[in-house]
C-alpha atoms as a PDB file:
ATOM      1  CA  MET A   1       9.450  -8.490 -35.369  1.00  0.00           C
ATOM      2  CA  GLN A   2      12.932  -9.478 -34.201  1.00  0.00           C
ATOM      3  CA  ARG A   3      13.193 -10.856 -30.682  1.00  0.00           C
ATOM      4  CA  ILE A   4      16.017 -10.135 -28.241  1.00  0.00           C
ATOM      5  CA  LEU A   5      16.690 -12.024 -25.018  1.00  0.00           C
ATOM      6  CA  VAL A   6      18.438 -10.107 -22.217  1.00  0.00           C
ATOM      7  CA  ILE A   7      20.056 -12.318 -19.552  1.00  0.00           C
ATOM      8  CA  ASP A   8      21.308 -10.218 -16.634  1.00  0.00           C
ATOM      9  CA  ASP A   9      20.841 -10.416 -12.866  1.00  0.00           C
ATOM     10  CA  ASP A  10      20.877  -6.611 -12.500  1.00  0.00           C
ATOM     11  CA  PRO A  11      17.227  -5.454 -12.631  1.00  0.00           C
ATOM     12  CA  GLY A  12      18.306  -1.885 -13.400  1.00  0.00           C
ATOM     13  CA  VAL A  13      20.223  -2.929 -16.514  1.00  0.00           C
ATOM     14  CA  THR A  14      17.441  -5.276 -17.584  1.00  0.00           C
ATOM     15  CA  SER A  15      14.813  -2.551 -17.201  1.00  0.00           C
ATOM     16  CA  VAL A  16      16.808   0.000 -19.218  1.00  0.00           C
ATOM     17  CA  LEU A  17      17.487  -2.464 -22.026  1.00  0.00           C
ATOM     18  CA  LYS A  18      13.925  -3.751 -22.185  1.00  0.00           C
ATOM     19  CA  ARG A  19      12.489  -0.246 -22.315  1.00  0.00           C
ATOM     20  CA  GLY A  20      14.997   1.032 -24.882  1.00  0.00           C
ATOM     21  CA  LEU A  21      14.921  -1.994 -27.177  1.00  0.00           C
ATOM     22  CA  SER A  22      11.122  -2.167 -27.065  1.00  0.00           C
ATOM     23  CA  TYR A  23      10.967   1.497 -28.064  1.00  0.00           C
ATOM     24  CA  GLU A  24      13.234   0.688 -31.028  1.00  0.00           C
ATOM     25  CA  GLY A  25      10.769  -1.932 -32.255  1.00  0.00           C
ATOM     26  CA  PHE A  26      12.185  -5.167 -30.829  1.00  0.00           C
ATOM     27  CA  ALA A  27      10.297  -7.769 -28.836  1.00  0.00           C
ATOM     28  CA  VAL A  28      12.246  -8.280 -25.611  1.00  0.00           C
ATOM     29  CA  ASP A  29      12.360 -11.236 -23.218  1.00  0.00           C
ATOM     30  CA  THR A  30      14.433 -11.292 -20.048  1.00  0.00           C
ATOM     31  CA  GLY A  31      16.084 -13.777 -17.725  1.00  0.00           C
ATOM     32  CA  SER A  32      17.574 -12.903 -14.344  1.00  0.00           C
ATOM     33  CA  SER A  33      19.915 -15.909 -14.220  1.00  0.00           C
ATOM     34  CA  GLY A  34      21.728 -18.191 -16.602  1.00  0.00           C
ATOM     35  CA  GLN A  35      19.248 -21.020 -16.081  1.00  0.00           C
ATOM     36  CA  GLU A  36      16.227 -18.775 -16.517  1.00  0.00           C
ATOM     37  CA  GLY A  37      17.758 -17.352 -19.681  1.00  0.00           C
ATOM     38  CA  LEU A  38      18.335 -20.834 -21.103  1.00  0.00           C
ATOM     39  CA  ASP A  39      14.740 -21.784 -20.308  1.00  0.00           C
ATOM     40  CA  VAL A  40      13.415 -18.662 -22.043  1.00  0.00           C
ATOM     41  CA  ALA A  41      15.653 -19.264 -25.072  1.00  0.00           C
ATOM     42  CA  ARG A  42      14.234 -22.767 -25.502  1.00  0.00           C
ATOM     43  CA  LEU A  43      10.686 -21.422 -25.502  1.00  0.00           C
ATOM     44  CA  ARG A  44      11.031 -18.107 -27.359  1.00  0.00           C
ATOM     45  CA  TYR A  45      13.760 -18.691 -30.003  1.00  0.00           C
ATOM     46  CA  PRO A  46      15.412 -15.241 -29.818  1.00  0.00           C
ATOM     47  CA  ASP A  47      17.146 -13.657 -32.805  1.00  0.00           C
ATOM     48  CA  LEU A  48      19.902 -12.314 -30.539  1.00  0.00           C
ATOM     49  CA  VAL A  49      20.992 -12.666 -26.907  1.00  0.00           C
ATOM     50  CA  ILE A  50      22.512  -9.965 -24.694  1.00  0.00           C
ATOM     51  CA  LEU A  51      24.307 -11.875 -21.947  1.00  0.00           C
ATOM     52  CA  ASP A  52      25.925 -10.735 -18.699  1.00  0.00           C
ATOM     53  CA  VAL A  53      29.046 -12.606 -17.604  1.00  0.00           C
ATOM     54  CA  MET A  54      28.970 -12.340 -13.814  1.00  0.00           C
ATOM     55  CA  MET A  55      25.799 -14.027 -12.574  1.00  0.00           C
ATOM     56  CA  PRO A  56      25.138 -16.350  -9.621  1.00  0.00           C
ATOM     57  CA  GLY A  57      24.722 -20.036 -10.341  1.00  0.00           C
ATOM     58  CA  ILE A  58      25.362 -20.649 -14.023  1.00  0.00           C
ATOM     59  CA  ASP A  59      27.640 -17.798 -15.081  1.00  0.00           C
ATOM     60  CA  GLY A  60      27.581 -16.087 -18.454  1.00  0.00           C
ATOM     61  CA  LEU A  61      30.360 -18.141 -20.021  1.00  0.00           C
ATOM     62  CA  GLU A  62      28.682 -21.441 -19.145  1.00  0.00           C
ATOM     63  CA  THR A  63      25.356 -20.030 -20.344  1.00  0.00           C
ATOM     64  CA  LEU A  64      27.083 -19.075 -23.599  1.00  0.00           C
ATOM     65  CA  ARG A  65      28.448 -22.602 -23.997  1.00  0.00           C
ATOM     66  CA  ARG A  66      24.971 -24.083 -23.582  1.00  0.00           C
ATOM     67  CA  LEU A  67      23.391 -21.567 -25.954  1.00  0.00           C
ATOM     68  CA  ARG A  68      26.022 -22.432 -28.557  1.00  0.00           C
ATOM     69  CA  ALA A  69      25.412 -26.160 -28.082  1.00  0.00           C
ATOM     70  CA  ALA A  70      21.737 -25.612 -28.925  1.00  0.00           C
ATOM     71  CA  ASP A  71      22.230 -23.115 -31.782  1.00  0.00           C
ATOM     72  CA  THR A  72      25.662 -22.419 -33.229  1.00  0.00           C
ATOM     73  CA  HIS A  73      24.406 -19.466 -35.299  1.00  0.00           C
ATOM     74  CA  LEU A  74      22.574 -17.491 -32.593  1.00  0.00           C
ATOM     75  CA  PRO A  75      24.199 -14.030 -32.239  1.00  0.00           C
ATOM     76  CA  VAL A  76      25.365 -13.391 -28.658  1.00  0.00           C
ATOM     77  CA  LEU A  77      26.562 -10.041 -27.312  1.00  0.00           C
ATOM     78  CA  MET A  78      28.370 -10.208 -23.970  1.00  0.00           C
ATOM     79  CA  LEU A  79      27.595  -7.328 -21.604  1.00  0.00           C
ATOM     80  CA  THR A  80      29.820  -7.157 -18.531  1.00  0.00           C
ATOM     81  CA  GLY A  81      31.800  -5.083 -16.072  1.00  0.00           C
ATOM     82  CA  LYS A  82      34.932  -7.161 -16.730  1.00  0.00           C
ATOM     83  CA  ASP A  83      36.964  -4.811 -18.899  1.00  0.00           C
ATOM     84  CA  ALA A  84      40.390  -6.470 -18.986  1.00  0.00           C
ATOM     85  CA  PRO A  85      41.544  -7.331 -22.528  1.00  0.00           C
ATOM     86  CA  SER A  86      42.058 -10.939 -21.427  1.00  0.00           C
ATOM     87  CA  ASP A  87      38.400 -11.146 -20.347  1.00  0.00           C
ATOM     88  CA  GLN A  88      37.222  -9.803 -23.691  1.00  0.00           C
ATOM     89  CA  VAL A  89      39.451 -12.216 -25.598  1.00  0.00           C
ATOM     90  CA  ASP A  90      38.185 -15.105 -23.453  1.00  0.00           C
ATOM     91  CA  GLY A  91      34.552 -14.245 -24.154  1.00  0.00           C
ATOM     92  CA  LEU A  92      35.094 -13.874 -27.886  1.00  0.00           C
ATOM     93  CA  GLU A  93      37.121 -17.075 -28.141  1.00  0.00           C
ATOM     94  CA  ARG A  94      34.378 -18.983 -26.322  1.00  0.00           C
ATOM     95  CA  GLY A  95      31.857 -18.013 -28.962  1.00  0.00           C
ATOM     96  CA  ALA A  96      30.536 -14.516 -28.242  1.00  0.00           C
ATOM     97  CA  ASP A  97      30.007 -12.371 -31.341  1.00  0.00           C
ATOM     98  CA  ASP A  98      30.640  -9.044 -29.606  1.00  0.00           C
ATOM     99  CA  TYR A  99      31.623  -7.705 -26.187  1.00  0.00           C
ATOM    100  CA  VAL A 100      30.359  -4.492 -24.562  1.00  0.00           C
ATOM    101  CA  VAL A 101      31.765  -3.274 -21.244  1.00  0.00           C
ATOM    102  CA  LYS A 102      29.630  -1.680 -18.509  1.00  0.00           C
ATOM    103  CA  PRO A 103      28.957   1.179 -18.065  1.00  0.00           C
ATOM    104  CA  PHE A 104      27.757   1.599 -21.643  1.00  0.00           C
ATOM    105  CA  THR A 105      25.700   4.051 -23.658  1.00  0.00           C
ATOM    106  CA  PHE A 106      22.469   2.636 -25.018  1.00  0.00           C
ATOM    107  CA  GLU A 107      23.090   4.170 -28.463  1.00  0.00           C
ATOM    108  CA  VAL A 108      26.371   2.277 -28.859  1.00  0.00           C
ATOM    109  CA  LEU A 109      24.853  -0.983 -27.668  1.00  0.00           C
ATOM    110  CA  LEU A 110      21.903  -0.524 -30.043  1.00  0.00           C
ATOM    111  CA  ALA A 111      24.287   0.026 -32.958  1.00  0.00           C
ATOM    112  CA  ARG A 112      26.171  -3.169 -32.038  1.00  0.00           C
ATOM    113  CA  VAL A 113      22.902  -5.105 -31.808  1.00  0.00           C
ATOM    114  CA  ARG A 114      21.761  -3.923 -35.228  1.00  0.00           C
ATOM    115  CA  ALA A 115      25.160  -4.702 -36.755  1.00  0.00           C
ATOM    116  CA  LEU A 116      25.066  -8.252 -35.392  1.00  0.00           C
ATOM    117  CA  LEU A 117      21.548  -8.795 -36.692  1.00  0.00           C
ATOM    118  CA  ARG A 118      22.518  -7.487 -40.146  1.00  0.00           C
ATOM    119  CA  ARG A 119      25.541  -9.761 -40.236  1.00  0.00           C
ATOM    120  CA  HIS A 120      23.424 -12.721 -39.170  1.00  0.00           C
ATOM    121  CA  GLU A 121      20.863 -12.012 -41.903  1.00  0.00           C
ATOM    122  CA  THR A 122      23.535 -11.889 -44.621  1.00  0.00           C
ATOM    123  CA  GLU A 123      24.829 -15.270 -43.451  1.00  0.00           C
ATOM    124  CA  HIS A 124      21.393 -16.859 -43.877  1.00  0.00           C
ATOM    125  CA  PRO A 125      20.950 -18.698 -47.168  1.00  0.00           C
ATOM    126  CA  ASP A 126      18.550 -17.196 -49.709  1.00  0.00           C
ATOM    127  CA  VAL A 127      17.074 -20.654 -50.205  1.00  0.00           C
ATOM    128  CA  LEU A 128      15.978 -22.710 -47.201  1.00  0.00           C
ATOM    129  CA  ARG A 129      15.793 -26.469 -47.709  1.00  0.00           C
ATOM    130  CA  PHE A 130      14.222 -29.330 -45.797  1.00  0.00           C
ATOM    131  CA  GLY A 131      14.002 -32.709 -47.465  1.00  0.00           C
ATOM    132  CA  ASP A 132      12.536 -32.165 -50.937  1.00  0.00           C
ATOM    133  CA  LEU A 133      11.017 -28.814 -49.890  1.00  0.00           C
ATOM    134  CA  SER A 134      12.749 -25.527 -50.699  1.00  0.00           C
ATOM    135  CA  LEU A 135      11.814 -21.915 -49.994  1.00  0.00           C
ATOM    136  CA  ASP A 136      13.377 -19.043 -51.928  1.00  0.00           C
ATOM    137  CA  THR A 137      13.227 -16.207 -49.403  1.00  0.00           C
ATOM    138  CA  GLY A 138      14.158 -13.577 -51.976  1.00  0.00           C
ATOM    139  CA  ALA A 139      11.587 -14.506 -54.601  1.00  0.00           C
ATOM    140  CA  LYS A 140       9.133 -15.772 -51.954  1.00  0.00           C
ATOM    141  CA  ARG A 141       8.536 -19.003 -53.853  1.00  0.00           C
ATOM    142  CA  ALA A 142       8.276 -22.557 -52.572  1.00  0.00           C
ATOM    143  CA  GLN A 143       8.975 -25.798 -54.368  1.00  0.00           C
ATOM    144  CA  ARG A 144       8.519 -29.423 -53.422  1.00  0.00           C
ATOM    145  CA  GLY A 145      10.375 -31.754 -55.700  1.00  0.00           C
ATOM    146  CA  GLU A 146       9.618 -30.466 -59.198  1.00  0.00           C
ATOM    147  CA  ARG A 147       6.343 -28.850 -58.151  1.00  0.00           C
ATOM    148  CA  SER A 148       6.151 -25.071 -57.711  1.00  0.00           C
ATOM    149  CA  ILE A 149       3.890 -23.810 -54.924  1.00  0.00           C
ATOM    150  CA  ASP A 150       2.259 -20.381 -54.793  1.00  0.00           C
ATOM    151  CA  LEU A 151       2.020 -18.899 -51.300  1.00  0.00           C
ATOM    152  CA  THR A 152       0.218 -15.933 -49.810  1.00  0.00           C
ATOM    153  CA  SER A 153       2.336 -13.538 -47.736  1.00  0.00           C
ATOM    154  CA  ILE A 154       1.111 -15.074 -44.471  1.00  0.00           C
ATOM    155  CA  GLU A 155       1.717 -18.619 -45.722  1.00  0.00           C
ATOM    156  CA  PHE A 156       5.231 -17.611 -46.767  1.00  0.00           C
ATOM    157  CA  ASP A 157       6.023 -16.096 -43.361  1.00  0.00           C
ATOM    158  CA  LEU A 158       4.611 -19.141 -41.582  1.00  0.00           C
ATOM    159  CA  LEU A 159       6.567 -21.608 -43.701  1.00  0.00           C
ATOM    160  CA  ARG A 160       9.730 -19.556 -43.268  1.00  0.00           C
ATOM    161  CA  GLN A 161       9.470 -19.812 -39.486  1.00  0.00           C
ATOM    162  CA  LEU A 162       9.010 -23.577 -39.696  1.00  0.00           C
ATOM    163  CA  MET A 163      11.942 -23.974 -42.092  1.00  0.00           C
ATOM    164  CA  GLU A 164      14.235 -21.741 -40.039  1.00  0.00           C
ATOM    165  CA  HIS A 165      13.535 -23.948 -37.005  1.00  0.00           C
ATOM    166  CA  PRO A 166      13.310 -27.479 -38.459  1.00  0.00           C
ATOM    167  CA  GLN A 167      12.548 -30.362 -36.104  1.00  0.00           C
ATOM    168  CA  ARG A 168      11.824 -27.924 -33.267  1.00  0.00           C
ATOM    169  CA  VAL A 169       8.377 -27.557 -31.736  1.00  0.00           C
ATOM    170  CA  LEU A 170       7.059 -24.036 -32.325  1.00  0.00           C
ATOM    171  CA  PRO A 171       4.208 -23.025 -29.983  1.00  0.00           C
ATOM    172  CA  LYS A 172       1.188 -21.198 -31.394  1.00  0.00           C
ATOM    173  CA  GLU A 173       2.149 -18.129 -29.364  1.00  0.00           C
ATOM    174  CA  PHE A 174       5.590 -18.061 -30.981  1.00  0.00           C
ATOM    175  CA  LEU A 175       4.094 -18.244 -34.478  1.00  0.00           C
ATOM    176  CA  LEU A 176       1.526 -15.555 -33.655  1.00  0.00           C
ATOM    177  CA  ASP A 177       4.332 -13.286 -32.483  1.00  0.00           C
ATOM    178  CA  ARG A 178       6.622 -13.898 -35.463  1.00  0.00           C
ATOM    179  CA  VAL A 179       4.025 -13.996 -38.240  1.00  0.00           C
ATOM    180  CA  TRP A 180       1.154 -11.789 -37.086  1.00  0.00           C
ATOM    181  CA  GLY A 181       2.953  -9.530 -34.585  1.00  0.00           C
ATOM    182  CA  TYR A 182       2.971  -9.343 -30.820  1.00  0.00           C
ATOM    183  CA  ASP A 183      -0.033  -6.967 -30.726  1.00  0.00           C
ATOM    184  CA  PHE A 184      -2.303  -9.275 -32.755  1.00  0.00           C
ATOM    185  CA  GLY A 185      -5.671  -9.243 -31.017  1.00  0.00           C
ATOM    186  CA  GLY A 186      -7.378 -12.149 -32.761  1.00  0.00           C
ATOM    187  CA  SER A 187      -7.784 -15.791 -31.816  1.00  0.00           C
ATOM    188  CA  THR A 188      -4.911 -18.284 -31.803  1.00  0.00           C
ATOM    189  CA  ASN A 189      -7.140 -20.412 -34.059  1.00  0.00           C
ATOM    190  CA  ILE A 190      -5.834 -18.324 -36.955  1.00  0.00           C
ATOM    191  CA  VAL A 191      -2.626 -20.370 -36.731  1.00  0.00           C
ATOM    192  CA  GLU A 192      -4.565 -23.622 -37.177  1.00  0.00           C
ATOM    193  CA  VAL A 193      -6.369 -22.183 -40.195  1.00  0.00           C
ATOM    194  CA  TYR A 194      -3.163 -21.196 -41.970  1.00  0.00           C
ATOM    195  CA  VAL A 195      -1.318 -24.393 -41.061  1.00  0.00           C
ATOM    196  CA  LYS A 196      -4.189 -26.332 -42.651  1.00  0.00           C
ATOM    197  CA  GLN A 197      -3.958 -24.196 -45.803  1.00  0.00           C
ATOM    198  CA  LEU A 198      -0.199 -24.652 -45.914  1.00  0.00           C
ATOM    199  CA  ARG A 199      -0.498 -28.413 -45.572  1.00  0.00           C
ATOM    200  CA  GLN A 200      -2.979 -28.558 -48.440  1.00  0.00           C
ATOM    201  CA  LYS A 201      -0.444 -26.825 -50.676  1.00  0.00           C
ATOM    202  CA  LEU A 202       2.684 -28.636 -49.494  1.00  0.00           C
ATOM    203  CA  GLU A 203       1.358 -32.154 -49.081  1.00  0.00           C
ATOM    204  CA  ALA A 204      -0.234 -33.242 -52.332  1.00  0.00           C
ATOM    205  CA  GLU A 205      -1.652 -36.740 -52.635  1.00  0.00           C
ATOM    206  CA  GLY A 206       1.053 -39.305 -52.026  1.00  0.00           C
ATOM    207  CA  GLU A 207       3.580 -36.853 -50.573  1.00  0.00           C
ATOM    208  CA  PRO A 208       4.732 -37.485 -46.984  1.00  0.00           C
ATOM    209  CA  ARG A 209       3.532 -35.078 -44.314  1.00  0.00           C
ATOM    210  CA  LEU A 210       6.069 -32.476 -43.229  1.00  0.00           C
ATOM    211  CA  ILE A 211       4.120 -30.232 -40.824  1.00  0.00           C
ATOM    212  CA  HIS A 212       3.060 -32.125 -37.716  1.00  0.00           C
ATOM    213  CA  THR A 213       0.764 -31.014 -34.895  1.00  0.00           C
ATOM    214  CA  LEU A 214       1.736 -31.769 -31.312  1.00  0.00           C
ATOM    215  CA  ARG A 215      -1.464 -31.200 -29.380  1.00  0.00           C
ATOM    216  CA  GLY A 216      -0.975 -28.766 -26.544  1.00  0.00           C
ATOM    217  CA  SER A 217       2.548 -27.935 -27.719  1.00  0.00           C
ATOM    218  CA  GLY A 218       2.536 -26.535 -31.254  1.00  0.00           C
ATOM    219  CA  TYR A 219       3.840 -27.467 -34.689  1.00  0.00           C
ATOM    220  CA  VAL A 220       7.032 -29.063 -35.947  1.00  0.00           C
ATOM    221  CA  LEU A 221       8.571 -29.482 -39.401  1.00  0.00           C
ATOM    222  CA  ARG A 222       9.971 -32.982 -39.652  1.00  0.00           C
ATOM    223  CA  GLU A 223      10.156 -36.036 -41.880  1.00  0.00           C
ATOM    224  CA  ASP A 224       8.644 -39.240 -40.498  1.00  0.00           C
END
């Protein structure tokens, strides 16, 4: 399930977007200020951000700069009442991927969101690489060095999340959401079970460990 972060200090706008996007099948997080949005982004790793410009404290443009510093590829759609062409140009030149002016129709915004997500997906490489580990996302095959590795569908999805966020700590809750779905009703121990299985396949005797456990925090893909 793709995750969208809405950063806007207007509770009416936030409520409409959360309800509409959730109905369309997206997981939605919200932040009512620039700082809160940045904090949520660090914890939840959204696939796309909808960002208001005019907010108290850290405004939208500064929030955009900080989001870009953390992830240059994260799609960001600016949503604002500033409709002057110069404002739109400024937002786009500072790194926004699209710019929607308030008031807006939800159908148009939804179409823009889907277009940005499609564009982002086509820009992703078919083969993810980390050290001597590679994952062919089209064929759903993994390889470490010259060794081919067969994966179940869950193992593939789990490894893909780790390889799309290398050297970043991914909490169990994040992996449950992305791999098993937000409505998964089982125990979080299922993550530990599959991480153990994945390690057994990826880390043959003599091969350095790639998946590390940070107790109380989650899992990280890194080379020691």
